ModelCIF file with pLDDT and N, C-alpha, C, O atoms, coordinates in Angstrom:
data_MODEL
#
_entry.id   MODEL 
#
_entity.id                         1 
_entity.type                       polymer 
_entity.pdbx_number_of_molecules   1 
#
_entity_poly.entity_id                      1 
_entity_poly.type                           'polypeptide(L)' 
_entity_poly.nstd_linkage                   no 
_entity_poly.nstd_monomer                   no 
_entity_poly.pdbx_seq_one_letter_code       WFSPFYKSPQADAGYDVADYRDIDGLFGTLADAD 
_entity_poly.pdbx_seq_one_letter_code_can   WFSPFYKSPQADAGYDVADYRDIDGLFGTLADAD 
_entity_poly.pdbx_strand_id                 A 
#
loop_
_entity_poly_seq.entity_id 
_entity_poly_seq.num 
_entity_poly_seq.mon_id 
_entity_poly_seq.hetero 
1 1  TRP n 
1 2  PHE n 
1 3  SER n 
1 4  PRO n 
1 5  PHE n 
1 6  TYR n 
1 7  LYS n 
1 8  SER n 
1 9  PRO n 
1 10 GLN n 
1 11 ALA n 
1 12 ASP n 
1 13 ALA n 
1 14 GLY n 
1 15 TYR n 
1 16 ASP n 
1 17 VAL n 
1 18 ALA n 
1 19 ASP n 
1 20 TYR n 
1 21 ARG n 
1 22 ASP n 
1 23 ILE n 
1 24 ASP n 
1 25 GLY n 
1 26 LEU n 
1 27 PHE n 
1 28 GLY n 
1 29 THR n 
1 30 LEU n 
1 31 ALA n 
1 32 ASP n 
1 33 ALA n 
1 34 ASP n 
#
_struct_asym.id          A 
_struct_asym.entity_id   1 
#
loop_
_ma_qa_metric.id 
_ma_qa_metric.mode 
_ma_qa_metric.name 
_ma_qa_metric.software_group_id 
_ma_qa_metric.type 
1 global pLDDT . pLDDT 
2 local  pLDDT . pLDDT 
#
_ma_qa_metric_global.metric_id      1 
_ma_qa_metric_global.metric_value   97.24 
_ma_qa_metric_global.model_id       1 
_ma_qa_metric_global.ordinal_id     1 
#
loop_
_ma_qa_metric_local.label_asym_id 
_ma_qa_metric_local.label_comp_id 
_ma_qa_metric_local.label_seq_id 
_ma_qa_metric_local.metric_id 
_ma_qa_metric_local.metric_value 
_ma_qa_metric_local.model_id 
_ma_qa_metric_local.ordinal_id 
A TRP 1  2 98.00 1 1  
A PHE 2  2 98.00 1 2  
A SER 3  2 97.00 1 3  
A PRO 4  2 97.00 1 4  
A PHE 5  2 98.00 1 5  
A TYR 6  2 98.00 1 6  
A LYS 7  2 98.00 1 7  
A SER 8  2 98.00 1 8  
A PRO 9  2 97.00 1 9  
A GLN 10 2 96.00 1 10 
A ALA 11 2 94.00 1 11 
A ASP 12 2 94.00 1 12 
A ALA 13 2 92.00 1 13 
A GLY 14 2 95.00 1 14 
A TYR 15 2 97.00 1 15 
A ASP 16 2 97.00 1 16 
A VAL 17 2 98.00 1 17 
A ALA 18 2 98.00 1 18 
A ASP 19 2 98.00 1 19 
A TYR 20 2 98.00 1 20 
A ARG 21 2 98.00 1 21 
A ASP 22 2 98.00 1 22 
A ILE 23 2 98.00 1 23 
A ASP 24 2 98.00 1 24 
A GLY 25 2 97.00 1 25 
A LEU 26 2 97.00 1 26 
A PHE 27 2 98.00 1 27 
A GLY 28 2 98.00 1 28 
A THR 29 2 98.00 1 29 
A LEU 30 2 98.00 1 30 
A ALA 31 2 98.00 1 31 
A ASP 32 2 98.00 1 32 
A ALA 33 2 98.00 1 33 
A ASP 34 2 98.00 1 34 
#
loop_
_atom_site.group_PDB 
_atom_site.id 
_atom_site.type_symbol 
_atom_site.label_atom_id 
_atom_site.label_alt_id 
_atom_site.label_comp_id 
_atom_site.label_asym_id 
_atom_site.label_entity_id 
_atom_site.label_seq_id 
_atom_site.pdbx_PDB_ins_code 
_atom_site.Cartn_x 
_atom_site.Cartn_y 
_atom_site.Cartn_z 
_atom_site.occupancy 
_atom_site.B_iso_or_equiv 
_atom_site.pdbx_formal_charge 
_atom_site.auth_seq_id 
_atom_site.auth_comp_id 
_atom_site.auth_asym_id 
_atom_site.auth_atom_id 
_atom_site.pdbx_PDB_model_num 
ATOM 1   N N  . TRP A 1 1  ? -20.465 134.917 13.148 1.00 98.00 ? 1  TRP A N  1 
ATOM 2   C CA . TRP A 1 1  ? -21.192 134.204 12.124 1.00 98.00 ? 1  TRP A CA 1 
ATOM 3   C C  . TRP A 1 1  ? -21.418 132.724 12.727 1.00 98.00 ? 1  TRP A C  1 
ATOM 4   O O  . TRP A 1 1  ? -20.510 132.000 13.135 1.00 98.00 ? 1  TRP A O  1 
ATOM 5   N N  . PHE A 1 2  ? -22.920 132.374 12.708 1.00 98.00 ? 2  PHE A N  1 
ATOM 6   C CA . PHE A 1 2  ? -23.296 131.182 13.208 1.00 98.00 ? 2  PHE A CA 1 
ATOM 7   C C  . PHE A 1 2  ? -23.473 129.953 11.976 1.00 98.00 ? 2  PHE A C  1 
ATOM 8   O O  . PHE A 1 2  ? -24.343 130.174 11.133 1.00 98.00 ? 2  PHE A O  1 
ATOM 9   N N  . SER A 1 3  ? -22.857 128.969 11.884 1.00 97.00 ? 3  SER A N  1 
ATOM 10  C CA . SER A 1 3  ? -23.233 127.783 11.201 1.00 97.00 ? 3  SER A CA 1 
ATOM 11  C C  . SER A 1 3  ? -24.709 127.502 11.585 1.00 97.00 ? 3  SER A C  1 
ATOM 12  O O  . SER A 1 3  ? -25.230 127.943 12.609 1.00 97.00 ? 3  SER A O  1 
ATOM 13  N N  . PRO A 1 4  ? -25.361 126.692 10.623 1.00 97.00 ? 4  PRO A N  1 
ATOM 14  C CA . PRO A 1 4  ? -26.819 126.445 10.892 1.00 97.00 ? 4  PRO A CA 1 
ATOM 15  C C  . PRO A 1 4  ? -27.300 125.998 12.230 1.00 97.00 ? 4  PRO A C  1 
ATOM 16  O O  . PRO A 1 4  ? -26.640 125.141 12.817 1.00 97.00 ? 4  PRO A O  1 
ATOM 17  N N  . PHE A 1 5  ? -28.333 126.464 12.753 1.00 98.00 ? 5  PHE A N  1 
ATOM 18  C CA . PHE A 1 5  ? -28.998 126.035 14.144 1.00 98.00 ? 5  PHE A CA 1 
ATOM 19  C C  . PHE A 1 5  ? -30.398 125.756 13.760 1.00 98.00 ? 5  PHE A C  1 
ATOM 20  O O  . PHE A 1 5  ? -31.225 125.603 14.660 1.00 98.00 ? 5  PHE A O  1 
ATOM 21  N N  . TYR A 1 6  ? -30.795 125.662 12.369 1.00 98.00 ? 6  TYR A N  1 
ATOM 22  C CA . TYR A 1 6  ? -32.176 125.416 12.322 1.00 98.00 ? 6  TYR A CA 1 
ATOM 23  C C  . TYR A 1 6  ? -32.666 124.120 12.326 1.00 98.00 ? 6  TYR A C  1 
ATOM 24  O O  . TYR A 1 6  ? -31.854 123.215 12.133 1.00 98.00 ? 6  TYR A O  1 
ATOM 25  N N  . LYS A 1 7  ? -33.950 123.823 12.527 1.00 98.00 ? 7  LYS A N  1 
ATOM 26  C CA . LYS A 1 7  ? -34.445 122.467 12.828 1.00 98.00 ? 7  LYS A CA 1 
ATOM 27  C C  . LYS A 1 7  ? -34.093 121.506 11.470 1.00 98.00 ? 7  LYS A C  1 
ATOM 28  O O  . LYS A 1 7  ? -34.421 121.741 10.308 1.00 98.00 ? 7  LYS A O  1 
ATOM 29  N N  . SER A 1 8  ? -33.368 120.422 11.957 1.00 98.00 ? 8  SER A N  1 
ATOM 30  C CA . SER A 1 8  ? -32.781 119.699 10.870 1.00 98.00 ? 8  SER A CA 1 
ATOM 31  C C  . SER A 1 8  ? -32.420 118.305 11.480 1.00 98.00 ? 8  SER A C  1 
ATOM 32  O O  . SER A 1 8  ? -32.002 118.193 12.633 1.00 98.00 ? 8  SER A O  1 
ATOM 33  N N  . PRO A 1 9  ? -32.623 117.182 10.575 1.00 97.00 ? 9  PRO A N  1 
ATOM 34  C CA . PRO A 1 9  ? -32.302 115.624 11.028 1.00 97.00 ? 9  PRO A CA 1 
ATOM 35  C C  . PRO A 1 9  ? -30.851 115.703 11.241 1.00 97.00 ? 9  PRO A C  1 
ATOM 36  O O  . PRO A 1 9  ? -30.404 114.814 11.965 1.00 97.00 ? 9  PRO A O  1 
ATOM 37  N N  . GLN A 1 10 ? -29.897 116.672 10.720 1.00 96.00 ? 10 GLN A N  1 
ATOM 38  C CA . GLN A 1 10 ? -28.498 116.677 10.974 1.00 96.00 ? 10 GLN A CA 1 
ATOM 39  C C  . GLN A 1 10 ? -27.756 115.621 10.282 1.00 96.00 ? 10 GLN A C  1 
ATOM 40  O O  . GLN A 1 10 ? -26.800 115.038 10.794 1.00 96.00 ? 10 GLN A O  1 
ATOM 41  N N  . ALA A 1 11 ? -28.239 115.373 9.042  1.00 94.00 ? 11 ALA A N  1 
ATOM 42  C CA . ALA A 1 11 ? -27.463 114.459 8.116  1.00 94.00 ? 11 ALA A CA 1 
ATOM 43  C C  . ALA A 1 11 ? -26.156 115.257 7.787  1.00 94.00 ? 11 ALA A C  1 
ATOM 44  O O  . ALA A 1 11 ? -25.084 114.666 7.651  1.00 94.00 ? 11 ALA A O  1 
ATOM 45  N N  . ASP A 1 12 ? -26.258 116.459 7.676  1.00 94.00 ? 12 ASP A N  1 
ATOM 46  C CA . ASP A 1 12 ? -25.029 117.150 7.157  1.00 94.00 ? 12 ASP A CA 1 
ATOM 47  C C  . ASP A 1 12 ? -24.644 118.110 8.361  1.00 94.00 ? 12 ASP A C  1 
ATOM 48  O O  . ASP A 1 12 ? -24.035 119.118 8.001  1.00 94.00 ? 12 ASP A O  1 
ATOM 49  N N  . ALA A 1 13 ? -24.858 118.002 9.581  1.00 92.00 ? 13 ALA A N  1 
ATOM 50  C CA . ALA A 1 13 ? -24.641 118.908 10.654 1.00 92.00 ? 13 ALA A CA 1 
ATOM 51  C C  . ALA A 1 13 ? -25.301 120.228 10.348 1.00 92.00 ? 13 ALA A C  1 
ATOM 52  O O  . ALA A 1 13 ? -24.714 121.307 10.422 1.00 92.00 ? 13 ALA A O  1 
ATOM 53  N N  . GLY A 1 14 ? -26.610 120.065 9.987  1.00 95.00 ? 14 GLY A N  1 
ATOM 54  C CA . GLY A 1 14 ? -27.561 121.287 10.142 1.00 95.00 ? 14 GLY A CA 1 
ATOM 55  C C  . GLY A 1 14 ? -27.506 121.752 8.583  1.00 95.00 ? 14 GLY A C  1 
ATOM 56  O O  . GLY A 1 14 ? -28.458 122.474 8.287  1.00 95.00 ? 14 GLY A O  1 
ATOM 57  N N  . TYR A 1 15 ? -26.777 121.543 7.738  1.00 97.00 ? 15 TYR A N  1 
ATOM 58  C CA . TYR A 1 15 ? -26.790 122.098 6.408  1.00 97.00 ? 15 TYR A CA 1 
ATOM 59  C C  . TYR A 1 15 ? -27.834 121.407 5.451  1.00 97.00 ? 15 TYR A C  1 
ATOM 60  O O  . TYR A 1 15 ? -27.957 121.656 4.252  1.00 97.00 ? 15 TYR A O  1 
ATOM 61  N N  . ASP A 1 16 ? -28.650 120.392 6.267  1.00 97.00 ? 16 ASP A N  1 
ATOM 62  C CA . ASP A 1 16 ? -29.911 119.930 5.513  1.00 97.00 ? 16 ASP A CA 1 
ATOM 63  C C  . ASP A 1 16 ? -31.042 120.511 6.603  1.00 97.00 ? 16 ASP A C  1 
ATOM 64  O O  . ASP A 1 16 ? -31.168 120.192 7.786  1.00 97.00 ? 16 ASP A O  1 
ATOM 65  N N  . VAL A 1 17 ? -31.711 121.332 5.930  1.00 98.00 ? 17 VAL A N  1 
ATOM 66  C CA . VAL A 1 17 ? -32.672 122.273 6.737  1.00 98.00 ? 17 VAL A CA 1 
ATOM 67  C C  . VAL A 1 17 ? -33.983 121.754 6.503  1.00 98.00 ? 17 VAL A C  1 
ATOM 68  O O  . VAL A 1 17 ? -34.385 121.618 5.348  1.00 98.00 ? 17 VAL A O  1 
ATOM 69  N N  . ALA A 1 18 ? -34.872 121.372 7.746  1.00 98.00 ? 18 ALA A N  1 
ATOM 70  C CA . ALA A 1 18 ? -35.942 121.024 7.766  1.00 98.00 ? 18 ALA A CA 1 
ATOM 71  C C  . ALA A 1 18 ? -36.995 122.069 7.957  1.00 98.00 ? 18 ALA A C  1 
ATOM 72  O O  . ALA A 1 18 ? -38.122 121.863 7.508  1.00 98.00 ? 18 ALA A O  1 
ATOM 73  N N  . ASP A 1 19 ? -36.712 123.160 8.582  1.00 98.00 ? 19 ASP A N  1 
ATOM 74  C CA . ASP A 1 19 ? -37.457 124.320 8.800  1.00 98.00 ? 19 ASP A CA 1 
ATOM 75  C C  . ASP A 1 19 ? -36.669 125.406 9.053  1.00 98.00 ? 19 ASP A C  1 
ATOM 76  O O  . ASP A 1 19 ? -36.001 125.504 10.083 1.00 98.00 ? 19 ASP A O  1 
ATOM 77  N N  . TYR A 1 20 ? -36.703 126.412 7.998  1.00 98.00 ? 20 TYR A N  1 
ATOM 78  C CA . TYR A 1 20 ? -35.822 127.508 8.032  1.00 98.00 ? 20 TYR A CA 1 
ATOM 79  C C  . TYR A 1 20 ? -36.248 128.636 9.077  1.00 98.00 ? 20 TYR A C  1 
ATOM 80  O O  . TYR A 1 20 ? -35.529 129.609 9.307  1.00 98.00 ? 20 TYR A O  1 
ATOM 81  N N  . ARG A 1 21 ? -37.494 128.417 9.696  1.00 98.00 ? 21 ARG A N  1 
ATOM 82  C CA . ARG A 1 21 ? -38.065 129.436 10.881 1.00 98.00 ? 21 ARG A CA 1 
ATOM 83  C C  . ARG A 1 21 ? -38.062 128.844 12.099 1.00 98.00 ? 21 ARG A C  1 
ATOM 84  O O  . ARG A 1 21 ? -38.665 129.420 13.004 1.00 98.00 ? 21 ARG A O  1 
ATOM 85  N N  . ASP A 1 22 ? -37.430 127.659 12.351 1.00 98.00 ? 22 ASP A N  1 
ATOM 86  C CA . ASP A 1 22 ? -37.194 127.345 13.615 1.00 98.00 ? 22 ASP A CA 1 
ATOM 87  C C  . ASP A 1 22 ? -35.917 126.913 14.069 1.00 98.00 ? 22 ASP A C  1 
ATOM 88  O O  . ASP A 1 22 ? -35.045 126.624 13.250 1.00 98.00 ? 22 ASP A O  1 
ATOM 89  N N  . ILE A 1 23 ? -35.695 126.833 15.454 1.00 98.00 ? 23 ILE A N  1 
ATOM 90  C CA . ILE A 1 23 ? -34.492 126.306 15.913 1.00 98.00 ? 23 ILE A CA 1 
ATOM 91  C C  . ILE A 1 23 ? -34.420 124.827 16.247 1.00 98.00 ? 23 ILE A C  1 
ATOM 92  O O  . ILE A 1 23 ? -35.402 124.371 16.834 1.00 98.00 ? 23 ILE A O  1 
ATOM 93  N N  . ASP A 1 24 ? -33.377 123.972 15.957 1.00 98.00 ? 24 ASP A N  1 
ATOM 94  C CA . ASP A 1 24 ? -33.391 122.647 16.208 1.00 98.00 ? 24 ASP A CA 1 
ATOM 95  C C  . ASP A 1 24 ? -33.407 122.513 17.747 1.00 98.00 ? 24 ASP A C  1 
ATOM 96  O O  . ASP A 1 24 ? -32.913 123.383 18.464 1.00 98.00 ? 24 ASP A O  1 
ATOM 97  N N  . GLY A 1 25 ? -34.020 121.341 18.256 1.00 97.00 ? 25 GLY A N  1 
ATOM 98  C CA . GLY A 1 25 ? -34.069 121.225 19.745 1.00 97.00 ? 25 GLY A CA 1 
ATOM 99  C C  . GLY A 1 25 ? -32.699 120.834 20.335 1.00 97.00 ? 25 GLY A C  1 
ATOM 100 O O  . GLY A 1 25 ? -32.536 120.831 21.555 1.00 97.00 ? 25 GLY A O  1 
ATOM 101 N N  . LEU A 1 26 ? -31.665 120.489 19.435 1.00 97.00 ? 26 LEU A N  1 
ATOM 102 C CA . LEU A 1 26 ? -30.232 120.383 19.917 1.00 97.00 ? 26 LEU A CA 1 
ATOM 103 C C  . LEU A 1 26 ? -29.789 121.576 20.234 1.00 97.00 ? 26 LEU A C  1 
ATOM 104 O O  . LEU A 1 26 ? -28.949 121.647 21.131 1.00 97.00 ? 26 LEU A O  1 
ATOM 105 N N  . PHE A 1 27 ? -30.227 122.723 19.607 1.00 98.00 ? 27 PHE A N  1 
ATOM 106 C CA . PHE A 1 27 ? -29.590 124.075 20.049 1.00 98.00 ? 27 PHE A CA 1 
ATOM 107 C C  . PHE A 1 27 ? -30.367 125.043 20.981 1.00 98.00 ? 27 PHE A C  1 
ATOM 108 O O  . PHE A 1 27 ? -29.886 126.069 21.462 1.00 98.00 ? 27 PHE A O  1 
ATOM 109 N N  . GLY A 1 28 ? -31.636 124.585 21.175 1.00 98.00 ? 28 GLY A N  1 
ATOM 110 C CA . GLY A 1 28 ? -32.400 125.311 21.863 1.00 98.00 ? 28 GLY A CA 1 
ATOM 111 C C  . GLY A 1 28 ? -33.627 125.902 21.109 1.00 98.00 ? 28 GLY A C  1 
ATOM 112 O O  . GLY A 1 28 ? -34.042 125.206 20.183 1.00 98.00 ? 28 GLY A O  1 
ATOM 113 N N  . THR A 1 29 ? -34.269 127.064 21.353 1.00 98.00 ? 29 THR A N  1 
ATOM 114 C CA . THR A 1 29 ? -35.500 127.574 21.016 1.00 98.00 ? 29 THR A CA 1 
ATOM 115 C C  . THR A 1 29 ? -35.404 128.782 20.438 1.00 98.00 ? 29 THR A C  1 
ATOM 116 O O  . THR A 1 29 ? -34.433 129.497 20.686 1.00 98.00 ? 29 THR A O  1 
ATOM 117 N N  . LEU A 1 30 ? -36.338 129.158 19.635 1.00 98.00 ? 30 LEU A N  1 
ATOM 118 C CA . LEU A 1 30 ? -36.487 130.629 19.064 1.00 98.00 ? 30 LEU A CA 1 
ATOM 119 C C  . LEU A 1 30 ? -36.139 131.667 20.176 1.00 98.00 ? 30 LEU A C  1 
ATOM 120 O O  . LEU A 1 30 ? -35.351 132.601 20.026 1.00 98.00 ? 30 LEU A O  1 
ATOM 121 N N  . ALA A 1 31 ? -36.814 131.385 21.279 1.00 98.00 ? 31 ALA A N  1 
ATOM 122 C CA . ALA A 1 31 ? -36.431 132.283 22.551 1.00 98.00 ? 31 ALA A CA 1 
ATOM 123 C C  . ALA A 1 31 ? -34.885 132.395 22.741 1.00 98.00 ? 31 ALA A C  1 
ATOM 124 O O  . ALA A 1 31 ? -34.237 133.438 22.822 1.00 98.00 ? 31 ALA A O  1 
ATOM 125 N N  . ASP A 1 32 ? -34.448 131.177 22.791 1.00 98.00 ? 32 ASP A N  1 
ATOM 126 C CA . ASP A 1 32 ? -33.065 131.169 23.034 1.00 98.00 ? 32 ASP A CA 1 
ATOM 127 C C  . ASP A 1 32 ? -32.093 131.986 22.084 1.00 98.00 ? 32 ASP A C  1 
ATOM 128 O O  . ASP A 1 32 ? -31.109 132.626 22.456 1.00 98.00 ? 32 ASP A O  1 
ATOM 129 N N  . ALA A 1 33 ? -32.548 131.845 20.814 1.00 98.00 ? 33 ALA A N  1 
ATOM 130 C CA . ALA A 1 33 ? -31.798 132.719 19.650 1.00 98.00 ? 33 ALA A CA 1 
ATOM 131 C C  . ALA A 1 33 ? -32.109 134.121 19.950 1.00 98.00 ? 33 ALA A C  1 
ATOM 132 O O  . ALA A 1 33 ? -31.159 134.901 20.019 1.00 98.00 ? 33 ALA A O  1 
ATOM 133 N N  . ASP A 1 34 ? -33.273 134.545 20.132 1.00 98.00 ? 34 ASP A N  1 
ATOM 134 C CA . ASP A 1 34 ? -33.541 135.882 20.354 1.00 98.00 ? 34 ASP A CA 1 
ATOM 135 C C  . ASP A 1 34 ? -32.730 136.548 21.634 1.00 98.00 ? 34 ASP A C  1 
ATOM 136 O O  . ASP A 1 34 ? -32.896 137.733 21.921 1.00 98.00 ? 34 ASP A O  1 
#
């Protein structure tokens, strides 16, 4: 189980999601997730 890796300003370490369909650049890309 992964805690959030979505696009986020990281005010609450990713539990503040700005885009539910994309990966935050801190963690990589959608290709990295795949």
